Amino acid sequence: MATAVFFHAHPDDETIATGGTMARAAAEGHRVVLVTATAGELGEVPDGFLAPGEDLASRRAEELAAACQILGVARHLCLGYGDSGMAGEPSNDVEGSFWRADVDEAAAALAAVLEEEQAEVLTAYDEHGGYGHPDHIQVHRVGLRAGEMARTPRVYMATINRDHVQRLAEQAGAFGVELPEGDAPDFADLGVEEARITTSVDVSEFLGAKRRAMEAHASQIAETSFFLAVPPEAFAVIWGTEWYIRQGAAPGGEMEYDLLPSP
C-alpha cells in the first residue's frame, strides 16, 4: 500500500476538493496524511454560531478532527501559518500569514513530512488555487516546491473542471437547482479548462463520507448552503468526480483514473 499526503489551505478545503479521493484511498488500504497550512481562523461564520468565548480556530480544529475520522485520515498536521483572508484584504499582508510565507521555508516543512512518510503522492492546487484565494495560490507554490525538494514521485494539483461547472449551470433546472437571476455566471476564473485535466477520480461510492465530512464543518458549510442543500441527484453529479492535473504530464495524454495504485 502507498502513502498520499494531501496539502490544503484551511480546514474544510480537504473535504470539498479531495474528500472523496481521501476516503477512497483509505478504504483501499492506503495511508492518508493531511497537512493544512493554516487553522482557518479568518473564515466567515454566522452571527451567534460560536459559543461565548469560543474562538473560530478552536472550533474549526474540532470540525477538522471529526472530518478526518470520517475520511479515514491516519495523520493530520498543521504548518501553523496565519490565515491570510480573501484576496485584497489587509490580512494578506500581516506578518506570519501564509501568503507572506517564504516559499522555500514553508516547502521545507512540508518536504520533511513527505520524507518522513515516504509519500508516493502529494496533492496541492492549480496555479490560481481554484478560485484565486491567496492561501490556495500559496498552497500551489509551496506544494510543488516541496514535491521537488522531497522528490515525491507523483504530484497532483487538485482543480475544478471549469467545463463541467458550465454544463452543470446549464442543466441546473433539470436538477431542481435555482440559480440567481440576472446575467449568466462567468466561470472564466474558476479552475481550469477540461483539456488540462489529466486525472479524473470517480468518488461516487464515497459521497456519503464526503457529505458527512462537509456536515462536520458546520461553521463553514451550513445545511442551507449550496454544498448541502441541493437535491441528492444533483449532489451526486456535482461531487461524484474529483479532478486533478498531474505535474509534468503532457496535456492530451491518456486520462488517469486514480492517484494511487489499485490494491
C-alpha atoms as a PDB file:
ATOM      1  CA  MET A   1       0.000   0.000   0.000  1.00  0.00           C
ATOM      2  CA  ALA A   2       1.069   3.581  -0.652  1.00  0.00           C
ATOM      3  CA  THR A   3       1.056   6.846   1.298  1.00  0.00           C
ATOM      4  CA  ALA A   4      -0.567  10.012  -0.030  1.00  0.00           C
ATOM      5  CA  VAL A   5      -0.152  13.453   1.516  1.00  0.00           C
ATOM      6  CA  PHE A   6      -2.982  15.897   0.826  1.00  0.00           C
ATOM      7  CA  PHE A   7      -1.897  19.525   1.287  1.00  0.00           C
ATOM      8  CA  HIS A   8      -4.635  22.089   1.889  1.00  0.00           C
ATOM      9  CA  ALA A   9      -5.008  25.719   2.918  1.00  0.00           C
ATOM     10  CA  HIS A  10      -7.736  25.613   5.596  1.00  0.00           C
ATOM     11  CA  PRO A  11      -9.966  23.126   7.394  1.00  0.00           C
ATOM     12  CA  ASP A  12     -12.871  22.132   5.075  1.00  0.00           C
ATOM     13  CA  ASP A  13     -10.781  22.517   1.906  1.00  0.00           C
ATOM     14  CA  GLU A  14      -9.719  18.884   2.211  1.00  0.00           C
ATOM     15  CA  THR A  15     -13.329  17.723   2.177  1.00  0.00           C
ATOM     16  CA  ILE A  16     -14.549  19.980  -0.613  1.00  0.00           C
ATOM     17  CA  ALA A  17     -11.644  19.446  -3.012  1.00  0.00           C
ATOM     18  CA  THR A  18     -10.351  15.945  -2.277  1.00  0.00           C
ATOM     19  CA  GLY A  19     -12.591  14.338   0.349  1.00  0.00           C
ATOM     20  CA  GLY A  20     -13.845  11.570  -1.901  1.00  0.00           C
ATOM     21  CA  THR A  21     -10.345  10.708  -3.061  1.00  0.00           C
ATOM     22  CA  MET A  22      -9.137  10.582   0.533  1.00  0.00           C
ATOM     23  CA  ALA A  23     -11.983   8.310   1.619  1.00  0.00           C
ATOM     24  CA  ARG A  24     -11.444   6.051  -1.384  1.00  0.00           C
ATOM     25  CA  ALA A  25      -7.704   5.794  -0.747  1.00  0.00           C
ATOM     26  CA  ALA A  26      -8.260   4.964   2.919  1.00  0.00           C
ATOM     27  CA  ALA A  27     -10.871   2.335   2.051  1.00  0.00           C
ATOM     28  CA  GLU A  28      -8.388   0.722  -0.337  1.00  0.00           C
ATOM     29  CA  GLY A  29      -5.864   0.412   2.481  1.00  0.00           C
ATOM     30  CA  HIS A  30      -3.572   3.315   1.614  1.00  0.00           C
ATOM     31  CA  ARG A  31      -2.212   5.678   4.272  1.00  0.00           C
ATOM     32  CA  VAL A  32      -3.830   9.102   4.052  1.00  0.00           C
ATOM     33  CA  VAL A  33      -1.997  12.074   5.585  1.00  0.00           C
ATOM     34  CA  LEU A  34      -3.427  15.596   5.699  1.00  0.00           C
ATOM     35  CA  VAL A  35      -1.344  18.748   6.055  1.00  0.00           C
ATOM     36  CA  THR A  36      -3.095  22.096   6.443  1.00  0.00           C
ATOM     37  CA  ALA A  37      -1.249  25.391   6.124  1.00  0.00           C
ATOM     38  CA  THR A  38      -3.476  27.398   8.479  1.00  0.00           C
ATOM     39  CA  ALA A  39      -6.181  26.987  11.112  1.00  0.00           C
ATOM     40  CA  GLY A  40      -8.672  28.964   9.025  1.00  0.00           C
ATOM     41  CA  GLU A  41      -9.231  31.483  11.793  1.00  0.00           C
ATOM     42  CA  LEU A  42     -10.457  34.191   9.384  1.00  0.00           C
ATOM     43  CA  GLY A  43     -13.263  32.142   7.901  1.00  0.00           C
ATOM     44  CA  GLU A  44     -16.729  33.678   7.847  1.00  0.00           C
ATOM     45  CA  VAL A  45     -19.170  32.358  10.425  1.00  0.00           C
ATOM     46  CA  PRO A  46     -22.849  33.222  11.036  1.00  0.00           C
ATOM     47  CA  ASP A  47     -23.592  35.591  13.905  1.00  0.00           C
ATOM     48  CA  GLY A  48     -24.266  33.688  17.090  1.00  0.00           C
ATOM     49  CA  PHE A  49     -22.807  30.423  15.812  1.00  0.00           C
ATOM     50  CA  LEU A  50     -19.871  30.355  18.223  1.00  0.00           C
ATOM     51  CA  ALA A  51     -20.444  29.914  21.938  1.00  0.00           C
ATOM     52  CA  PRO A  52     -19.443  32.838  24.194  1.00  0.00           C
ATOM     53  CA  GLY A  53     -15.667  32.857  24.485  1.00  0.00           C
ATOM     54  CA  GLU A  54     -15.211  30.258  21.746  1.00  0.00           C
ATOM     55  CA  ASP A  55     -12.700  31.154  19.032  1.00  0.00           C
ATOM     56  CA  LEU A  56     -13.114  30.075  15.439  1.00  0.00           C
ATOM     57  CA  ALA A  57      -9.710  28.386  15.155  1.00  0.00           C
ATOM     58  CA  SER A  58     -10.537  26.024  18.021  1.00  0.00           C
ATOM     59  CA  ARG A  59     -13.964  25.286  16.601  1.00  0.00           C
ATOM     60  CA  ARG A  60     -12.551  24.541  13.168  1.00  0.00           C
ATOM     61  CA  ALA A  61      -9.903  22.265  14.680  1.00  0.00           C
ATOM     62  CA  GLU A  62     -12.682  20.203  16.264  1.00  0.00           C
ATOM     63  CA  GLU A  63     -14.591  20.126  12.999  1.00  0.00           C
ATOM     64  CA  LEU A  64     -11.490  19.044  11.110  1.00  0.00           C
ATOM     65  CA  ALA A  65     -10.799  16.238  13.580  1.00  0.00           C
ATOM     66  CA  ALA A  66     -14.318  14.926  13.003  1.00  0.00           C
ATOM     67  CA  ALA A  67     -13.949  15.173   9.224  1.00  0.00           C
ATOM     68  CA  CYS A  68     -10.593  13.390   9.347  1.00  0.00           C
ATOM     69  CA  GLN A  69     -12.159  10.485  11.204  1.00  0.00           C
ATOM     70  CA  ILE A  70     -14.928  10.253   8.620  1.00  0.00           C
ATOM     71  CA  LEU A  71     -12.498  10.358   5.681  1.00  0.00           C
ATOM     72  CA  GLY A  72     -10.036   7.856   7.132  1.00  0.00           C
ATOM     73  CA  VAL A  73      -7.133  10.242   7.685  1.00  0.00           C
ATOM     74  CA  ALA A  74      -4.321   8.494   9.559  1.00  0.00           C
ATOM     75  CA  ARG A  75      -2.400  11.653  10.484  1.00  0.00           C
ATOM     76  CA  HIS A  76      -3.028  15.387  10.406  1.00  0.00           C
ATOM     77  CA  LEU A  77      -0.526  18.216  10.832  1.00  0.00           C
ATOM     78  CA  CYS A  78      -0.847  21.991  10.583  1.00  0.00           C
ATOM     79  CA  LEU A  79       2.096  24.097   9.404  1.00  0.00           C
ATOM     80  CA  GLY A  80       0.938  26.860  11.754  1.00  0.00           C
ATOM     81  CA  TYR A  81       0.739  29.847   9.418  1.00  0.00           C
ATOM     82  CA  GLY A  82      -1.874  32.562   9.834  1.00  0.00           C
ATOM     83  CA  ASP A  83      -4.976  32.606   7.662  1.00  0.00           C
ATOM     84  CA  SER A  84      -4.441  35.290   5.004  1.00  0.00           C
ATOM     85  CA  GLY A  85      -8.109  36.030   4.376  1.00  0.00           C
ATOM     86  CA  MET A  86      -9.692  36.700   0.999  1.00  0.00           C
ATOM     87  CA  ALA A  87      -7.806  38.437  -1.813  1.00  0.00           C
ATOM     88  CA  GLY A  88      -7.360  42.167  -1.282  1.00  0.00           C
ATOM     89  CA  GLU A  89      -7.956  42.106   2.465  1.00  0.00           C
ATOM     90  CA  PRO A  90      -5.433  43.806   4.811  1.00  0.00           C
ATOM     91  CA  SER A  91      -4.880  40.404   6.423  1.00  0.00           C
ATOM     92  CA  ASN A  92      -2.989  39.357   3.288  1.00  0.00           C
ATOM     93  CA  ASP A  93      -0.059  41.475   4.445  1.00  0.00           C
ATOM     94  CA  VAL A  94       0.020  40.508   8.109  1.00  0.00           C
ATOM     95  CA  GLU A  95       3.347  39.110   9.261  1.00  0.00           C
ATOM     96  CA  GLY A  96       3.018  35.375   9.789  1.00  0.00           C
ATOM     97  CA  SER A  97       0.219  34.924   7.273  1.00  0.00           C
ATOM     98  CA  PHE A  98       0.639  32.077   4.817  1.00  0.00           C
ATOM     99  CA  TRP A  99       0.531  34.489   1.880  1.00  0.00           C
ATOM    100  CA  ARG A 100       3.603  36.243   3.302  1.00  0.00           C
ATOM    101  CA  ALA A 101       5.468  32.988   3.994  1.00  0.00           C
ATOM    102  CA  ASP A 102       8.810  32.318   2.374  1.00  0.00           C
ATOM    103  CA  VAL A 103       8.028  29.604  -0.177  1.00  0.00           C
ATOM    104  CA  ASP A 104      11.223  27.623   0.343  1.00  0.00           C
ATOM    105  CA  GLU A 105      10.882  27.759   4.118  1.00  0.00           C
ATOM    106  CA  ALA A 106       7.285  26.542   4.067  1.00  0.00           C
ATOM    107  CA  ALA A 107       8.119  23.951   1.424  1.00  0.00           C
ATOM    108  CA  ALA A 108      10.956  22.592   3.557  1.00  0.00           C
ATOM    109  CA  ALA A 109       8.496  21.969   6.405  1.00  0.00           C
ATOM    110  CA  LEU A 110       6.150  20.113   4.073  1.00  0.00           C
ATOM    111  CA  ALA A 111       9.019  18.234   2.425  1.00  0.00           C
ATOM    112  CA  ALA A 112      10.084  16.966   5.847  1.00  0.00           C
ATOM    113  CA  VAL A 113       6.646  15.376   6.236  1.00  0.00           C
ATOM    114  CA  LEU A 114       6.833  13.882   2.747  1.00  0.00           C
ATOM    115  CA  GLU A 115      10.216  12.365   3.506  1.00  0.00           C
ATOM    116  CA  GLU A 116       9.183  11.085   6.933  1.00  0.00           C
ATOM    117  CA  GLU A 117       6.080   9.476   5.464  1.00  0.00           C
ATOM    118  CA  GLN A 118       7.926   8.246   2.354  1.00  0.00           C
ATOM    119  CA  ALA A 119       4.969   9.588   0.417  1.00  0.00           C
ATOM    120  CA  GLU A 120       4.410   8.365  -3.109  1.00  0.00           C
ATOM    121  CA  VAL A 121       1.771  11.017  -3.813  1.00  0.00           C
ATOM    122  CA  LEU A 122       1.299  14.686  -2.926  1.00  0.00           C
ATOM    123  CA  THR A 123      -1.670  16.856  -3.821  1.00  0.00           C
ATOM    124  CA  ALA A 124      -1.699  20.662  -3.902  1.00  0.00           C
ATOM    125  CA  TYR A 125      -3.818  23.074  -6.007  1.00  0.00           C
ATOM    126  CA  ASP A 126      -3.646  24.516  -9.510  1.00  0.00           C
ATOM    127  CA  GLU A 127      -1.725  27.738 -10.100  1.00  0.00           C
ATOM    128  CA  HIS A 128      -4.565  30.070  -9.110  1.00  0.00           C
ATOM    129  CA  GLY A 129      -5.803  27.920  -6.265  1.00  0.00           C
ATOM    130  CA  GLY A 130      -9.066  27.000  -7.927  1.00  0.00           C
ATOM    131  CA  TYR A 131     -10.655  30.404  -7.391  1.00  0.00           C
ATOM    132  CA  GLY A 132      -7.911  32.878  -6.504  1.00  0.00           C
ATOM    133  CA  HIS A 133      -7.744  32.749  -2.693  1.00  0.00           C
ATOM    134  CA  PRO A 134      -4.235  33.856  -1.625  1.00  0.00           C
ATOM    135  CA  ASP A 135      -3.697  30.852   0.645  1.00  0.00           C
ATOM    136  CA  HIS A 136      -4.760  28.488  -2.122  1.00  0.00           C
ATOM    137  CA  ILE A 137      -2.325  30.068  -4.555  1.00  0.00           C
ATOM    138  CA  GLN A 138       0.378  29.682  -1.924  1.00  0.00           C
ATOM    139  CA  VAL A 139      -0.530  26.001  -1.469  1.00  0.00           C
ATOM    140  CA  HIS A 140       0.240  25.573  -5.163  1.00  0.00           C
ATOM    141  CA  ARG A 141       3.623  27.289  -4.890  1.00  0.00           C
ATOM    142  CA  VAL A 142       4.658  25.622  -1.644  1.00  0.00           C
ATOM    143  CA  GLY A 143       3.287  22.219  -2.582  1.00  0.00           C
ATOM    144  CA  LEU A 144       5.062  21.967  -5.909  1.00  0.00           C
ATOM    145  CA  ARG A 145       8.322  23.186  -4.381  1.00  0.00           C
ATOM    146  CA  ALA A 146       8.025  20.648  -1.552  1.00  0.00           C
ATOM    147  CA  GLY A 147       7.452  17.887  -4.077  1.00  0.00           C
ATOM    148  CA  GLU A 148      10.686  18.892  -5.794  1.00  0.00           C
ATOM    149  CA  MET A 149      12.605  19.007  -2.516  1.00  0.00           C
ATOM    150  CA  ALA A 150      11.362  15.603  -1.374  1.00  0.00           C
ATOM    151  CA  ARG A 151      11.455  14.109  -4.869  1.00  0.00           C
ATOM    152  CA  THR A 152       7.935  12.851  -4.412  1.00  0.00           C
ATOM    153  CA  PRO A 153       7.196  10.522  -7.342  1.00  0.00           C
ATOM    154  CA  ARG A 154       3.724  11.829  -8.188  1.00  0.00           C
ATOM    155  CA  VAL A 155       2.485  15.351  -7.541  1.00  0.00           C
ATOM    156  CA  TYR A 156      -1.061  16.328  -8.422  1.00  0.00           C
ATOM    157  CA  MET A 157      -2.869  19.651  -8.471  1.00  0.00           C
ATOM    158  CA  ALA A 158      -6.474  19.417  -7.293  1.00  0.00           C
ATOM    159  CA  THR A 159      -8.599  21.616  -9.516  1.00  0.00           C
ATOM    160  CA  ILE A 160     -12.113  22.486 -10.632  1.00  0.00           C
ATOM    161  CA  ASN A 161     -13.273  21.305 -14.047  1.00  0.00           C
ATOM    162  CA  ARG A 162     -14.496  24.599 -15.480  1.00  0.00           C
ATOM    163  CA  ASP A 163     -16.332  22.971 -18.388  1.00  0.00           C
ATOM    164  CA  HIS A 164     -18.096  20.565 -16.027  1.00  0.00           C
ATOM    165  CA  VAL A 165     -19.268  23.505 -13.914  1.00  0.00           C
ATOM    166  CA  GLN A 166     -20.533  25.271 -17.030  1.00  0.00           C
ATOM    167  CA  ARG A 167     -22.500  22.185 -18.057  1.00  0.00           C
ATOM    168  CA  LEU A 168     -23.949  21.891 -14.564  1.00  0.00           C
ATOM    169  CA  ALA A 169     -25.079  25.515 -14.665  1.00  0.00           C
ATOM    170  CA  GLU A 170     -26.816  24.908 -17.988  1.00  0.00           C
ATOM    171  CA  GLN A 171     -28.590  21.838 -16.583  1.00  0.00           C
ATOM    172  CA  ALA A 172     -29.366  23.301 -13.155  1.00  0.00           C
ATOM    173  CA  GLY A 173     -33.100  23.488 -13.746  1.00  0.00           C
ATOM    174  CA  ALA A 174     -33.289  19.799 -14.591  1.00  0.00           C
ATOM    175  CA  PHE A 175     -31.865  19.006 -11.148  1.00  0.00           C
ATOM    176  CA  GLY A 176     -34.218  21.357  -9.334  1.00  0.00           C
ATOM    177  CA  VAL A 177     -31.449  23.858  -8.613  1.00  0.00           C
ATOM    178  CA  GLU A 178     -32.322  27.541  -8.930  1.00  0.00           C
ATOM    179  CA  LEU A 179     -29.535  29.908  -9.956  1.00  0.00           C
ATOM    180  CA  PRO A 180     -29.663  33.622  -9.077  1.00  0.00           C
ATOM    181  CA  GLU A 181     -31.474  35.751 -11.626  1.00  0.00           C
ATOM    182  CA  GLY A 182     -29.506  38.120 -13.805  1.00  0.00           C
ATOM    183  CA  ASP A 183     -26.519  37.715 -16.066  1.00  0.00           C
ATOM    184  CA  ALA A 184     -25.236  34.215 -16.741  1.00  0.00           C
ATOM    185  CA  PRO A 185     -22.458  33.275 -14.300  1.00  0.00           C
ATOM    186  CA  ASP A 186     -18.910  33.772 -15.530  1.00  0.00           C
ATOM    187  CA  PHE A 187     -16.662  30.808 -14.791  1.00  0.00           C
ATOM    188  CA  ALA A 188     -13.590  32.149 -16.600  1.00  0.00           C
ATOM    189  CA  ASP A 189     -11.560  32.429 -13.388  1.00  0.00           C
ATOM    190  CA  LEU A 190     -12.742  29.148 -11.872  1.00  0.00           C
ATOM    191  CA  GLY A 191     -10.466  26.118 -12.067  1.00  0.00           C
ATOM    192  CA  VAL A 192      -9.099  25.105 -15.460  1.00  0.00           C
ATOM    193  CA  GLU A 193     -10.464  24.025 -18.806  1.00  0.00           C
ATOM    194  CA  GLU A 194     -11.216  20.312 -19.151  1.00  0.00           C
ATOM    195  CA  ALA A 195      -8.431  19.814 -21.696  1.00  0.00           C
ATOM    196  CA  ARG A 196      -5.796  20.434 -18.998  1.00  0.00           C
ATOM    197  CA  ILE A 197      -7.112  17.778 -16.636  1.00  0.00           C
ATOM    198  CA  THR A 198      -5.067  14.586 -16.558  1.00  0.00           C
ATOM    199  CA  THR A 199      -6.782  12.675 -13.759  1.00  0.00           C
ATOM    200  CA  SER A 200     -10.461  12.052 -13.103  1.00  0.00           C
ATOM    201  CA  VAL A 201     -11.245  10.191  -9.874  1.00  0.00           C
ATOM    202  CA  ASP A 202     -14.678   8.594  -9.525  1.00  0.00           C
ATOM    203  CA  VAL A 203     -15.697   9.037  -5.889  1.00  0.00           C
ATOM    204  CA  SER A 204     -19.383   8.242  -6.289  1.00  0.00           C
ATOM    205  CA  GLU A 205     -19.148   5.305  -3.866  1.00  0.00           C
ATOM    206  CA  PHE A 206     -17.774   7.654  -1.198  1.00  0.00           C
ATOM    207  CA  LEU A 207     -20.263  10.501  -1.463  1.00  0.00           C
ATOM    208  CA  GLY A 208     -21.794   9.520   1.862  1.00  0.00           C
ATOM    209  CA  ALA A 209     -18.463  10.058   3.593  1.00  0.00           C
ATOM    210  CA  LYS A 210     -17.856  13.286   1.700  1.00  0.00           C
ATOM    211  CA  ARG A 211     -21.258  14.629   2.665  1.00  0.00           C
ATOM    212  CA  ARG A 212     -20.832  13.699   6.338  1.00  0.00           C
ATOM    213  CA  ALA A 213     -17.422  15.377   6.360  1.00  0.00           C
ATOM    214  CA  MET A 214     -18.977  18.520   4.868  1.00  0.00           C
ATOM    215  CA  GLU A 215     -21.610  18.450   7.599  1.00  0.00           C
ATOM    216  CA  ALA A 216     -18.834  18.169  10.189  1.00  0.00           C
ATOM    217  CA  HIS A 217     -17.528  21.568   9.013  1.00  0.00           C
ATOM    218  CA  ALA A 218     -20.708  23.243  10.244  1.00  0.00           C
ATOM    219  CA  SER A 219     -19.110  26.636  10.902  1.00  0.00           C
ATOM    220  CA  GLN A 220     -18.295  26.961   7.205  1.00  0.00           C
ATOM    221  CA  ILE A 221     -20.829  24.749   5.416  1.00  0.00           C
ATOM    222  CA  ALA A 222     -24.379  25.358   6.586  1.00  0.00           C
ATOM    223  CA  GLU A 223     -27.149  22.848   5.951  1.00  0.00           C
ATOM    224  CA  THR A 224     -28.817  25.510   3.811  1.00  0.00           C
ATOM    225  CA  SER A 225     -25.687  26.177   1.731  1.00  0.00           C
ATOM    226  CA  PHE A 226     -25.428  25.232  -1.927  1.00  0.00           C
ATOM    227  CA  PHE A 227     -22.989  22.484  -0.948  1.00  0.00           C
ATOM    228  CA  LEU A 228     -25.573  20.558   1.064  1.00  0.00           C
ATOM    229  CA  ALA A 229     -28.998  21.898   0.091  1.00  0.00           C
ATOM    230  CA  VAL A 230     -29.027  20.611  -3.496  1.00  0.00           C
ATOM    231  CA  PRO A 231     -31.162  17.520  -4.237  1.00  0.00           C
ATOM    232  CA  PRO A 232     -29.379  14.142  -3.900  1.00  0.00           C
ATOM    233  CA  GLU A 233     -29.248  13.633  -7.667  1.00  0.00           C
ATOM    234  CA  ALA A 234     -27.557  16.992  -8.120  1.00  0.00           C
ATOM    235  CA  PHE A 235     -25.172  16.335  -5.218  1.00  0.00           C
ATOM    236  CA  ALA A 236     -24.018  13.147  -6.948  1.00  0.00           C
ATOM    237  CA  VAL A 237     -23.417  14.899 -10.263  1.00  0.00           C
ATOM    238  CA  ILE A 238     -21.654  17.883  -8.674  1.00  0.00           C
ATOM    239  CA  TRP A 239     -19.402  15.958  -6.291  1.00  0.00           C
ATOM    240  CA  GLY A 240     -19.138  12.458  -7.798  1.00  0.00           C
ATOM    241  CA  THR A 241     -15.852  13.178  -9.575  1.00  0.00           C
ATOM    242  CA  GLU A 242     -12.726  14.917  -8.290  1.00  0.00           C
ATOM    243  CA  TRP A 243     -10.312  16.406 -10.793  1.00  0.00           C
ATOM    244  CA  TYR A 244      -6.525  16.734 -10.850  1.00  0.00           C
ATOM    245  CA  ILE A 245      -3.629  17.796 -13.035  1.00  0.00           C
ATOM    246  CA  ARG A 246      -0.563  15.585 -12.704  1.00  0.00           C
ATOM    247  CA  GLN A 247       2.558  17.720 -12.521  1.00  0.00           C
ATOM    248  CA  GLY A 248       4.789  17.054 -15.517  1.00  0.00           C
ATOM    249  CA  ALA A 249       2.177  15.155 -17.515  1.00  0.00           C
ATOM    250  CA  ALA A 250       1.704  16.184 -21.123  1.00  0.00           C
ATOM    251  CA  PRO A 251      -1.743  17.659 -21.864  1.00  0.00           C
ATOM    252  CA  GLY A 252      -3.926  15.486 -24.034  1.00  0.00           C
ATOM    253  CA  GLY A 253      -2.413  12.213 -22.867  1.00  0.00           C
ATOM    254  CA  GLU A 254      -4.310   9.179 -21.669  1.00  0.00           C
ATOM    255  CA  MET A 255      -6.629  10.014 -18.769  1.00  0.00           C
ATOM    256  CA  GLU A 256      -5.745   8.611 -15.337  1.00  0.00           C
ATOM    257  CA  TYR A 257      -8.499   7.445 -13.005  1.00  0.00           C
ATOM    258  CA  ASP A 258      -6.724   7.237  -9.651  1.00  0.00           C
ATOM    259  CA  LEU A 259      -3.858   8.893  -7.808  1.00  0.00           C
ATOM    260  CA  LEU A 260      -2.697   5.659  -6.190  1.00  0.00           C
ATOM    261  CA  PRO A 261      -2.118   2.132  -7.460  1.00  0.00           C
ATOM    262  CA  SER A 262      -5.100  -0.185  -7.112  1.00  0.00           C
ATOM    263  CA  PRO A 263      -4.798  -2.728  -4.283  1.00  0.00           C
END
